[in-house]
Amino acid sequence: MSLIAAVLAATPSPSPTSTVPDVDVTPGVVGFIAIALVAVVTILLVVDMTRRIRRTRYRAEIRDRLEAEARGEFHDTDEPARRADEDGRADVGDDTERG
């Protein structure tokens, strides 16, 4: 037991100090490039996700409209689209073309 107590009681020697100040240590060009790539990939993923969500929502709206027309029902949201068809203008009331 005295050997274990002697080892535990021994004071550790101080670690060697660095000759470079901590202020001068930076990630450098490699760190900048890595963070820039992470940022670009994140932005591209967010844009792609937004586009896919929007596309899914528009497809659901169109599916609902087609099902309502098949049943013979028309909703108030269909009114501008029908007026646009009567006028010959496809850009009025048709929000499915937005991207």
PDB file of N, CA and C in Angstrom:
ATOM      1  N   MET A   1       0.797  -1.195   0.000  1.00  0.00           N
ATOM      2  CA  MET A   1       0.000   0.000   0.000  1.00  0.00           C
ATOM      3  C   MET A   1       0.838   1.257   0.000  1.00  0.00           C
ATOM      4  N   SER A   2       1.989   1.173   0.605  1.00  0.00           N
ATOM      5  CA  SER A   2       2.825   2.351   0.661  1.00  0.00           C
ATOM      6  C   SER A   2       3.342   2.744  -0.716  1.00  0.00           C
ATOM      7  N   LEU A   3       3.492   1.771  -1.629  1.00  0.00           N
ATOM      8  CA  LEU A   3       3.937   2.082  -2.986  1.00  0.00           C
ATOM      9  C   LEU A   3       2.848   2.857  -3.733  1.00  0.00           C
ATOM     10  N   ILE A   4       1.594   2.433  -3.591  1.00  0.00           N
ATOM     11  CA  ILE A   4       0.475   3.130  -4.252  1.00  0.00           C
ATOM     12  C   ILE A   4       0.321   4.528  -3.662  1.00  0.00           C
ATOM     13  N   ALA A   5       0.432   4.664  -2.373  1.00  0.00           N
ATOM     14  CA  ALA A   5       0.322   5.974  -1.738  1.00  0.00           C
ATOM     15  C   ALA A   5       1.450   6.876  -2.192  1.00  0.00           C
ATOM     16  N   ALA A   6       2.634   6.323  -2.384  1.00  0.00           N
ATOM     17  CA  ALA A   6       3.768   7.126  -2.830  1.00  0.00           C
ATOM     18  C   ALA A   6       3.573   7.591  -4.261  1.00  0.00           C
ATOM     19  N   VAL A   7       2.992   6.728  -5.139  1.00  0.00           N
ATOM     20  CA  VAL A   7       2.760   7.107  -6.533  1.00  0.00           C
ATOM     21  C   VAL A   7       1.677   8.172  -6.611  1.00  0.00           C
ATOM     22  N   LEU A   8       0.617   7.996  -5.823  1.00  0.00           N
ATOM     23  CA  LEU A   8      -0.455   8.985  -5.832  1.00  0.00           C
ATOM     24  C   LEU A   8      -0.024  10.314  -5.232  1.00  0.00           C
ATOM     25  N   ALA A   9       0.894  10.261  -4.291  1.00  0.00           N
ATOM     26  CA  ALA A   9       1.339  11.484  -3.634  1.00  0.00           C
ATOM     27  C   ALA A   9       2.358  12.244  -4.452  1.00  0.00           C
ATOM     28  N   ALA A  10       2.954  11.588  -5.424  1.00  0.00           N
ATOM     29  CA  ALA A  10       3.988  12.248  -6.225  1.00  0.00           C
ATOM     30  C   ALA A  10       3.351  13.376  -7.040  1.00  0.00           C
ATOM     31  N   THR A  11       3.974  14.465  -7.063  1.00  0.00           N
ATOM     32  CA  THR A  11       3.467  15.601  -7.833  1.00  0.00           C
ATOM     33  C   THR A  11       3.865  15.438  -9.285  1.00  0.00           C
ATOM     34  N   PRO A  12       2.948  15.698 -10.203  1.00  0.00           N
ATOM     35  CA  PRO A  12       3.290  15.564 -11.620  1.00  0.00           C
ATOM     36  C   PRO A  12       4.242  16.673 -12.040  1.00  0.00           C
ATOM     37  N   SER A  13       5.086  16.341 -12.959  1.00  0.00           N
ATOM     38  CA  SER A  13       6.006  17.357 -13.462  1.00  0.00           C
ATOM     39  C   SER A  13       5.241  18.283 -14.398  1.00  0.00           C
ATOM     40  N   PRO A  14       5.590  19.528 -14.435  1.00  0.00           N
ATOM     41  CA  PRO A  14       4.865  20.461 -15.301  1.00  0.00           C
ATOM     42  C   PRO A  14       5.075  20.108 -16.772  1.00  0.00           C
ATOM     43  N   SER A  15       4.007  20.278 -17.534  1.00  0.00           N
ATOM     44  CA  SER A  15       4.114  19.988 -18.966  1.00  0.00           C
ATOM     45  C   SER A  15       4.903  21.096 -19.638  1.00  0.00           C
ATOM     46  N   PRO A  16       5.567  20.771 -20.722  1.00  0.00           N
ATOM     47  CA  PRO A  16       6.345  21.807 -21.410  1.00  0.00           C
ATOM     48  C   PRO A  16       5.416  22.875 -21.989  1.00  0.00           C
ATOM     49  N   THR A  17       5.822  24.077 -21.872  1.00  0.00           N
ATOM     50  CA  THR A  17       5.016  25.190 -22.376  1.00  0.00           C
ATOM     51  C   THR A  17       5.260  25.379 -23.863  1.00  0.00           C
ATOM     52  N   SER A  18       4.220  25.878 -24.531  1.00  0.00           N
ATOM     53  CA  SER A  18       4.311  26.123 -25.962  1.00  0.00           C
ATOM     54  C   SER A  18       5.082  27.412 -26.209  1.00  0.00           C
ATOM     55  N   THR A  19       5.850  27.432 -27.275  1.00  0.00           N
ATOM     56  CA  THR A  19       6.595  28.644 -27.627  1.00  0.00           C
ATOM     57  C   THR A  19       5.742  29.584 -28.473  1.00  0.00           C
ATOM     58  N   VAL A  20       4.613  29.075 -29.016  1.00  0.00           N
ATOM     59  CA  VAL A  20       3.727  29.901 -29.837  1.00  0.00           C
ATOM     60  C   VAL A  20       2.588  30.394 -28.953  1.00  0.00           C
ATOM     61  N   PRO A  21       2.336  31.691 -28.938  1.00  0.00           N
ATOM     62  CA  PRO A  21       1.220  32.206 -28.137  1.00  0.00           C
ATOM     63  C   PRO A  21      -0.113  31.656 -28.656  1.00  0.00           C
ATOM     64  N   ASP A  22      -1.066  31.484 -27.755  1.00  0.00           N
ATOM     65  CA  ASP A  22      -2.370  30.959 -28.127  1.00  0.00           C
ATOM     66  C   ASP A  22      -3.114  31.870 -29.099  1.00  0.00           C
ATOM     67  N   VAL A  23      -2.795  33.133 -29.100  1.00  0.00           N
ATOM     68  CA  VAL A  23      -3.467  34.088 -29.984  1.00  0.00           C
ATOM     69  C   VAL A  23      -3.109  33.811 -31.440  1.00  0.00           C
ATOM     70  N   ASP A  24      -1.936  33.324 -31.710  1.00  0.00           N
ATOM     71  CA  ASP A  24      -1.480  33.102 -33.081  1.00  0.00           C
ATOM     72  C   ASP A  24      -1.937  31.760 -33.659  1.00  0.00           C
ATOM     73  N   VAL A  25      -2.569  30.910 -32.885  1.00  0.00           N
ATOM     74  CA  VAL A  25      -3.004  29.610 -33.375  1.00  0.00           C
ATOM     75  C   VAL A  25      -4.387  29.766 -33.994  1.00  0.00           C
ATOM     76  N   THR A  26      -4.495  29.527 -35.307  1.00  0.00           N
ATOM     77  CA  THR A  26      -5.758  29.651 -36.026  1.00  0.00           C
ATOM     78  C   THR A  26      -5.978  28.403 -36.880  1.00  0.00           C
ATOM     79  N   PRO A  27      -7.218  28.169 -37.309  1.00  0.00           N
ATOM     80  CA  PRO A  27      -7.474  27.000 -38.152  1.00  0.00           C
ATOM     81  C   PRO A  27      -6.881  27.138 -39.550  1.00  0.00           C
ATOM     82  N   GLY A  28      -6.620  28.335 -39.961  1.00  0.00           N
ATOM     83  CA  GLY A  28      -5.969  28.555 -41.249  1.00  0.00           C
ATOM     84  C   GLY A  28      -6.910  28.397 -42.431  1.00  0.00           C
ATOM     85  N   VAL A  29      -6.295  28.200 -43.589  1.00  0.00           N
ATOM     86  CA  VAL A  29      -7.044  28.113 -44.843  1.00  0.00           C
ATOM     87  C   VAL A  29      -7.890  26.840 -44.876  1.00  0.00           C
ATOM     88  N   VAL A  30      -7.353  25.748 -44.362  1.00  0.00           N
ATOM     89  CA  VAL A  30      -8.093  24.483 -44.378  1.00  0.00           C
ATOM     90  C   VAL A  30      -9.372  24.601 -43.549  1.00  0.00           C
ATOM     91  N   GLY A  31      -9.292  25.219 -42.396  1.00  0.00           N
ATOM     92  CA  GLY A  31     -10.476  25.412 -41.567  1.00  0.00           C
ATOM     93  C   GLY A  31     -11.496  26.307 -42.232  1.00  0.00           C
ATOM     94  N   PHE A  32     -11.020  27.365 -42.878  1.00  0.00           N
ATOM     95  CA  PHE A  32     -11.927  28.270 -43.583  1.00  0.00           C
ATOM     96  C   PHE A  32     -12.641  27.545 -44.712  1.00  0.00           C
ATOM     97  N   ILE A  33     -11.909  26.764 -45.485  1.00  0.00           N
ATOM     98  CA  ILE A  33     -12.509  26.030 -46.608  1.00  0.00           C
ATOM     99  C   ILE A  33     -13.527  25.016 -46.087  1.00  0.00           C
ATOM    100  N   ALA A  34     -13.214  24.333 -44.999  1.00  0.00           N
ATOM    101  CA  ALA A  34     -14.137  23.346 -44.444  1.00  0.00           C
ATOM    102  C   ALA A  34     -15.440  24.005 -43.993  1.00  0.00           C
ATOM    103  N   ILE A  35     -15.345  25.114 -43.288  1.00  0.00           N
ATOM    104  CA  ILE A  35     -16.550  25.816 -42.822  1.00  0.00           C
ATOM    105  C   ILE A  35     -17.326  26.397 -44.001  1.00  0.00           C
ATOM    106  N   ALA A  36     -16.629  26.918 -45.000  1.00  0.00           N
ATOM    107  CA  ALA A  36     -17.302  27.453 -46.182  1.00  0.00           C
ATOM    108  C   ALA A  36     -18.063  26.349 -46.911  1.00  0.00           C
ATOM    109  N   LEU A  37     -17.474  25.173 -47.036  1.00  0.00           N
ATOM    110  CA  LEU A  37     -18.166  24.054 -47.687  1.00  0.00           C
ATOM    111  C   LEU A  37     -19.404  23.624 -46.897  1.00  0.00           C
ATOM    112  N   VAL A  38     -19.291  23.584 -45.592  1.00  0.00           N
ATOM    113  CA  VAL A  38     -20.452  23.235 -44.761  1.00  0.00           C
ATOM    114  C   VAL A  38     -21.562  24.268 -44.952  1.00  0.00           C
ATOM    115  N   ALA A  39     -21.210  25.533 -45.015  1.00  0.00           N
ATOM    116  CA  ALA A  39     -22.208  26.586 -45.191  1.00  0.00           C
ATOM    117  C   ALA A  39     -22.881  26.483 -46.564  1.00  0.00           C
ATOM    118  N   VAL A  40     -22.104  26.255 -47.612  1.00  0.00           N
ATOM    119  CA  VAL A  40     -22.663  26.152 -48.962  1.00  0.00           C
ATOM    120  C   VAL A  40     -23.581  24.940 -49.065  1.00  0.00           C
ATOM    121  N   VAL A  41     -23.154  23.805 -48.535  1.00  0.00           N
ATOM    122  CA  VAL A  41     -23.984  22.600 -48.576  1.00  0.00           C
ATOM    123  C   VAL A  41     -25.275  22.815 -47.795  1.00  0.00           C
ATOM    124  N   THR A  42     -25.210  23.480 -46.659  1.00  0.00           N
ATOM    125  CA  THR A  42     -26.405  23.756 -45.868  1.00  0.00           C
ATOM    126  C   THR A  42     -27.382  24.645 -46.640  1.00  0.00           C
ATOM    127  N   ILE A  43     -26.882  25.676 -47.275  1.00  0.00           N
ATOM    128  CA  ILE A  43     -27.740  26.571 -48.056  1.00  0.00           C
ATOM    129  C   ILE A  43     -28.394  25.815 -49.205  1.00  0.00           C
ATOM    130  N   LEU A  44     -27.623  24.983 -49.914  1.00  0.00           N
ATOM    131  CA  LEU A  44     -28.187  24.216 -51.018  1.00  0.00           C
ATOM    132  C   LEU A  44     -29.258  23.230 -50.533  1.00  0.00           C
ATOM    133  N   LEU A  45     -29.033  22.615 -49.396  1.00  0.00           N
ATOM    134  CA  LEU A  45     -30.030  21.695 -48.845  1.00  0.00           C
ATOM    135  C   LEU A  45     -31.318  22.416 -48.456  1.00  0.00           C
ATOM    136  N   VAL A  46     -31.203  23.595 -47.891  1.00  0.00           N
ATOM    137  CA  VAL A  46     -32.388  24.363 -47.504  1.00  0.00           C
ATOM    138  C   VAL A  46     -33.170  24.784 -48.743  1.00  0.00           C
ATOM    139  N   VAL A  47     -32.480  25.229 -49.783  1.00  0.00           N
ATOM    140  CA  VAL A  47     -33.155  25.628 -51.020  1.00  0.00           C
ATOM    141  C   VAL A  47     -33.861  24.428 -51.651  1.00  0.00           C
ATOM    142  N   ASP A  48     -33.187  23.291 -51.695  1.00  0.00           N
ATOM    143  CA  ASP A  48     -33.784  22.087 -52.265  1.00  0.00           C
ATOM    144  C   ASP A  48     -34.994  21.633 -51.455  1.00  0.00           C
ATOM    145  N   MET A  49     -34.888  21.675 -50.133  1.00  0.00           N
ATOM    146  CA  MET A  49     -35.999  21.272 -49.277  1.00  0.00           C
ATOM    147  C   MET A  49     -37.200  22.194 -49.486  1.00  0.00           C
ATOM    148  N   THR A  50     -36.963  23.491 -49.580  1.00  0.00           N
ATOM    149  CA  THR A  50     -38.039  24.449 -49.802  1.00  0.00           C
ATOM    150  C   THR A  50     -38.726  24.185 -51.136  1.00  0.00           C
ATOM    151  N   ARG A  51     -37.937  23.922 -52.163  1.00  0.00           N
ATOM    152  CA  ARG A  51     -38.488  23.636 -53.486  1.00  0.00           C
ATOM    153  C   ARG A  51     -39.339  22.372 -53.460  1.00  0.00           C
ATOM    154  N   ARG A  52     -38.874  21.330 -52.784  1.00  0.00           N
ATOM    155  CA  ARG A  52     -39.625  20.068 -52.719  1.00  0.00           C
ATOM    156  C   ARG A  52     -40.920  20.226 -51.923  1.00  0.00           C
ATOM    157  N   ILE A  53     -40.879  20.973 -50.840  1.00  0.00           N
ATOM    158  CA  ILE A  53     -42.091  21.202 -50.046  1.00  0.00           C
ATOM    159  C   ILE A  53     -43.107  21.992 -50.850  1.00  0.00           C
ATOM    160  N   ARG A  54     -42.649  23.020 -51.549  1.00  0.00           N
ATOM    161  CA  ARG A  54     -43.552  23.826 -52.368  1.00  0.00           C
ATOM    162  C   ARG A  54     -44.178  22.976 -53.468  1.00  0.00           C
ATOM    163  N   ARG A  55     -43.372  22.154 -54.136  1.00  0.00           N
ATOM    164  CA  ARG A  55     -43.870  21.297 -55.207  1.00  0.00           C
ATOM    165  C   ARG A  55     -44.911  20.314 -54.676  1.00  0.00           C
ATOM    166  N   THR A  56     -44.652  19.743 -53.508  1.00  0.00           N
ATOM    167  CA  THR A  56     -45.596  18.807 -52.913  1.00  0.00           C
ATOM    168  C   THR A  56     -46.909  19.498 -52.573  1.00  0.00           C
ATOM    169  N   ARG A  57     -46.835  20.707 -52.044  1.00  0.00           N
ATOM    170  CA  ARG A  57     -48.047  21.451 -51.694  1.00  0.00           C
ATOM    171  C   ARG A  57     -48.863  21.776 -52.946  1.00  0.00           C
ATOM    172  N   TYR A  58     -48.199  22.206 -54.022  1.00  0.00           N
ATOM    173  CA  TYR A  58     -48.918  22.530 -55.245  1.00  0.00           C
ATOM    174  C   TYR A  58     -49.555  21.290 -55.855  1.00  0.00           C
ATOM    175  N   ARG A  59     -48.849  20.157 -55.803  1.00  0.00           N
ATOM    176  CA  ARG A  59     -49.427  18.922 -56.335  1.00  0.00           C
ATOM    177  C   ARG A  59     -50.668  18.519 -55.536  1.00  0.00           C
ATOM    178  N   ALA A  60     -50.626  18.704 -54.233  1.00  0.00           N
ATOM    179  CA  ALA A  60     -51.793  18.377 -53.410  1.00  0.00           C
ATOM    180  C   ALA A  60     -52.960  19.300 -53.740  1.00  0.00           C
ATOM    181  N   GLU A  61     -52.687  20.582 -53.963  1.00  0.00           N
ATOM    182  CA  GLU A  61     -53.746  21.517 -54.333  1.00  0.00           C
ATOM    183  C   GLU A  61     -54.367  21.134 -55.669  1.00  0.00           C
ATOM    184  N   ILE A  62     -53.538  20.767 -56.633  1.00  0.00           N
ATOM    185  CA  ILE A  62     -54.050  20.388 -57.951  1.00  0.00           C
ATOM    186  C   ILE A  62     -54.855  19.097 -57.846  1.00  0.00           C
ATOM    187  N   ARG A  63     -54.352  18.142 -57.061  1.00  0.00           N
ATOM    188  CA  ARG A  63     -55.079  16.885 -56.877  1.00  0.00           C
ATOM    189  C   ARG A  63     -56.450  17.149 -56.240  1.00  0.00           C
ATOM    190  N   ASP A  64     -56.497  18.037 -55.250  1.00  0.00           N
ATOM    191  CA  ASP A  64     -57.764  18.379 -54.613  1.00  0.00           C
ATOM    192  C   ASP A  64     -58.719  19.040 -55.597  1.00  0.00           C
ATOM    193  N   ARG A  65     -58.192  19.927 -56.434  1.00  0.00           N
ATOM    194  CA  ARG A  65     -59.030  20.588 -57.434  1.00  0.00           C
ATOM    195  C   ARG A  65     -59.596  19.576 -58.430  1.00  0.00           C
ATOM    196  N   LEU A  66     -58.740  18.663 -58.902  1.00  0.00           N
ATOM    197  CA  LEU A  66     -59.204  17.662 -59.869  1.00  0.00           C
ATOM    198  C   LEU A  66     -60.242  16.732 -59.247  1.00  0.00           C
ATOM    199  N   GLU A  67     -60.038  16.337 -58.001  1.00  0.00           N
ATOM    200  CA  GLU A  67     -61.021  15.490 -57.328  1.00  0.00           C
ATOM    201  C   GLU A  67     -62.331  16.227 -57.125  1.00  0.00           C
ATOM    202  N   ALA A  68     -62.271  17.518 -56.791  1.00  0.00           N
ATOM    203  CA  ALA A  68     -63.487  18.312 -56.614  1.00  0.00           C
ATOM    204  C   ALA A  68     -64.226  18.462 -57.943  1.00  0.00           C
ATOM    205  N   GLU A  69     -63.482  18.663 -59.030  1.00  0.00           N
ATOM    206  CA  GLU A  69     -64.115  18.769 -60.340  1.00  0.00           C
ATOM    207  C   GLU A  69     -64.738  17.442 -60.753  1.00  0.00           C
ATOM    208  N   ALA A  70     -64.084  16.340 -60.412  1.00  0.00           N
ATOM    209  CA  ALA A  70     -64.629  15.022 -60.755  1.00  0.00           C
ATOM    210  C   ALA A  70     -65.922  14.762 -59.993  1.00  0.00           C
ATOM    211  N   ARG A  71     -66.028  15.258 -58.776  1.00  0.00           N
ATOM    212  CA  ARG A  71     -67.251  15.099 -57.987  1.00  0.00           C
ATOM    213  C   ARG A  71     -68.297  16.141 -58.374  1.00  0.00           C
ATOM    214  N   GLY A  72     -67.905  17.121 -59.145  1.00  0.00           N
ATOM    215  CA  GLY A  72     -68.838  18.163 -59.548  1.00  0.00           C
ATOM    216  C   GLY A  72     -68.918  19.311 -58.569  1.00  0.00           C
ATOM    217  N   GLU A  73     -67.970  19.377 -57.653  1.00  0.00           N
ATOM    218  CA  GLU A  73     -67.957  20.449 -56.662  1.00  0.00           C
ATOM    219  C   GLU A  73     -66.957  21.513 -57.078  1.00  0.00           C
ATOM    220  N   PHE A  74     -67.313  22.769 -56.797  1.00  0.00           N
ATOM    221  CA  PHE A  74     -66.375  23.861 -57.043  1.00  0.00           C
ATOM    222  C   PHE A  74     -66.259  24.668 -55.770  1.00  0.00           C
ATOM    223  N   HIS A  75     -65.057  25.019 -55.420  1.00  0.00           N
ATOM    224  CA  HIS A  75     -64.818  25.824 -54.226  1.00  0.00           C
ATOM    225  C   HIS A  75     -64.591  27.267 -54.636  1.00  0.00           C
ATOM    226  N   ASP A  76     -64.636  28.156 -53.650  1.00  0.00           N
ATOM    227  CA  ASP A  76     -64.380  29.575 -53.926  1.00  0.00           C
ATOM    228  C   ASP A  76     -62.983  29.791 -54.451  1.00  0.00           C
ATOM    229  N   THR A  77     -62.050  28.931 -54.117  1.00  0.00           N
ATOM    230  CA  THR A  77     -60.677  29.108 -54.608  1.00  0.00           C
ATOM    231  C   THR A  77     -60.575  28.790 -56.085  1.00  0.00           C
ATOM    232  N   ASP A  78     -61.561  28.050 -56.645  1.00  0.00           N
ATOM    233  CA  ASP A  78     -61.538  27.719 -58.063  1.00  0.00           C
ATOM    234  C   ASP A  78     -62.088  28.840 -58.934  1.00  0.00           C
ATOM    235  N   GLU A  79     -62.795  29.785 -58.338  1.00  0.00           N
ATOM    236  CA  GLU A  79     -63.446  30.849 -59.099  1.00  0.00           C
ATOM    237  C   GLU A  79     -62.460  31.685 -59.922  1.00  0.00           C
ATOM    238  N   PRO A  80     -61.348  32.175 -59.371  1.00  0.00           N
ATOM    239  CA  PRO A  80     -60.431  32.970 -60.203  1.00  0.00           C
ATOM    240  C   PRO A  80     -59.867  32.167 -61.365  1.00  0.00           C
ATOM    241  N   ALA A  81     -59.612  30.886 -61.164  1.00  0.00           N
ATOM    242  CA  ALA A  81     -59.064  30.070 -62.244  1.00  0.00           C
ATOM    243  C   ALA A  81     -60.092  29.908 -63.363  1.00  0.00           C
ATOM    244  N   ARG A  82     -61.375  29.726 -63.008  1.00  0.00           N
ATOM    245  CA  ARG A  82     -62.402  29.589 -64.039  1.00  0.00           C
ATOM    246  C   ARG A  82     -62.580  30.903 -64.792  1.00  0.00           C
ATOM    247  N   ARG A  83     -62.547  32.028 -64.079  1.00  0.00           N
ATOM    248  CA  ARG A  83     -62.654  33.326 -64.752  1.00  0.00           C
ATOM    249  C   ARG A  83     -61.478  33.546 -65.683  1.00  0.00           C
ATOM    250  N   ALA A  84     -60.306  33.107 -65.291  1.00  0.00           N
ATOM    251  CA  ALA A  84     -59.132  33.269 -66.143  1.00  0.00           C
ATOM    252  C   ALA A  84     -59.278  32.451 -67.419  1.00  0.00           C
ATOM    253  N   ASP A  85     -59.844  31.255 -67.295  1.00  0.00           N
ATOM    254  CA  ASP A  85     -60.050  30.426 -68.478  1.00  0.00           C
ATOM    255  C   ASP A  85     -61.067  31.069 -69.420  1.00  0.00           C
ATOM    256  N   GLU A  86     -62.105  31.681 -68.865  1.00  0.00           N
ATOM    257  CA  GLU A  86     -63.114  32.330 -69.686  1.00  0.00           C
ATOM    258  C   GLU A  86     -62.537  33.543 -70.404  1.00  0.00           C
ATOM    259  N   ASP A  87     -61.653  34.286 -69.736  1.00  0.00           N
ATOM    260  CA  ASP A  87     -61.056  35.474 -70.338  1.00  0.00           C
ATOM    261  C   ASP A  87     -59.935  35.118 -71.299  1.00  0.00           C
ATOM    262  N   GLY A  88     -59.439  33.905 -71.233  1.00  0.00           N
ATOM    263  CA  GLY A  88     -58.329  33.514 -72.091  1.00  0.00           C
ATOM    264  C   GLY A  88     -56.981  33.882 -71.505  1.00  0.00           C
ATOM    265  N   ARG A  89     -56.967  34.276 -70.245  1.00  0.00           N
ATOM    266  CA  ARG A  89     -55.714  34.635 -69.594  1.00  0.00           C
ATOM    267  C   ARG A  89     -55.355  33.531 -68.608  1.00  0.00           C
ATOM    268  N   ALA A  90     -54.262  32.879 -68.835  1.00  0.00           N
ATOM    269  CA  ALA A  90     -53.867  31.767 -67.972  1.00  0.00           C
ATOM    270  C   ALA A  90     -53.083  32.242 -66.751  1.00  0.00           C
ATOM    271  N   ASP A  91     -52.664  33.515 -66.730  1.00  0.00           N
ATOM    272  CA  ASP A  91     -51.819  33.977 -65.636  1.00  0.00           C
ATOM    273  C   ASP A  91     -52.619  34.489 -64.442  1.00  0.00           C
ATOM    274  N   VAL A  92     -53.914  34.676 -64.576  1.00  0.00           N
ATOM    275  CA  VAL A  92     -54.723  35.214 -63.500  1.00  0.00           C
ATOM    276  C   VAL A  92     -55.264  34.062 -62.666  1.00  0.00           C
ATOM    277  N   GLY A  93     -54.991  34.090 -61.370  1.00  0.00           N
ATOM    278  CA  GLY A  93     -55.533  33.095 -60.475  1.00  0.00           C
ATOM    279  C   GLY A  93     -54.849  31.742 -60.526  1.00  0.00           C
ATOM    280  N   ASP A  94     -53.830  31.580 -61.343  1.00  0.00           N
ATOM    281  CA  ASP A  94     -53.155  30.299 -61.440  1.00  0.00           C
ATOM    282  C   ASP A  94     -51.823  30.393 -60.710  1.00  0.00           C
ATOM    283  N   ASP A  95     -51.816  29.919 -59.471  1.00  0.00           N
ATOM    284  CA  ASP A  95     -50.599  30.041 -58.677  1.00  0.00           C
ATOM    285  C   ASP A  95     -49.747  28.777 -58.721  1.00  0.00           C
ATOM    286  N   THR A  96     -50.059  27.836 -59.576  1.00  0.00           N
ATOM    287  CA  THR A  96     -49.271  26.607 -59.648  1.00  0.00           C
ATOM    288  C   THR A  96     -47.994  26.782 -60.450  1.00  0.00           C
ATOM    289  N   GLU A  97     -47.862  27.863 -61.176  1.00  0.00           N
ATOM    290  CA  GLU A  97     -46.687  28.070 -62.006  1.00  0.00           C
ATOM    291  C   GLU A  97     -45.558  28.770 -61.260  1.00  0.00           C
ATOM    292  N   ARG A  98     -45.839  29.235 -60.024  1.00  0.00           N
ATOM    293  CA  ARG A  98     -44.787  29.919 -59.285  1.00  0.00           C
ATOM    294  C   ARG A  98     -43.714  28.942 -58.913  1.00  0.00           C
ATOM    295  N   GLY A  99     -42.471  29.386 -58.914  1.00  0.00           N
ATOM    296  CA  GLY A  99     -41.381  28.476 -58.568  1.00  0.00           C
ATOM    297  C   GLY A  99     -40.467  29.070 -57.659  1.00  0.00           C
TER     298      GLY A  99
END
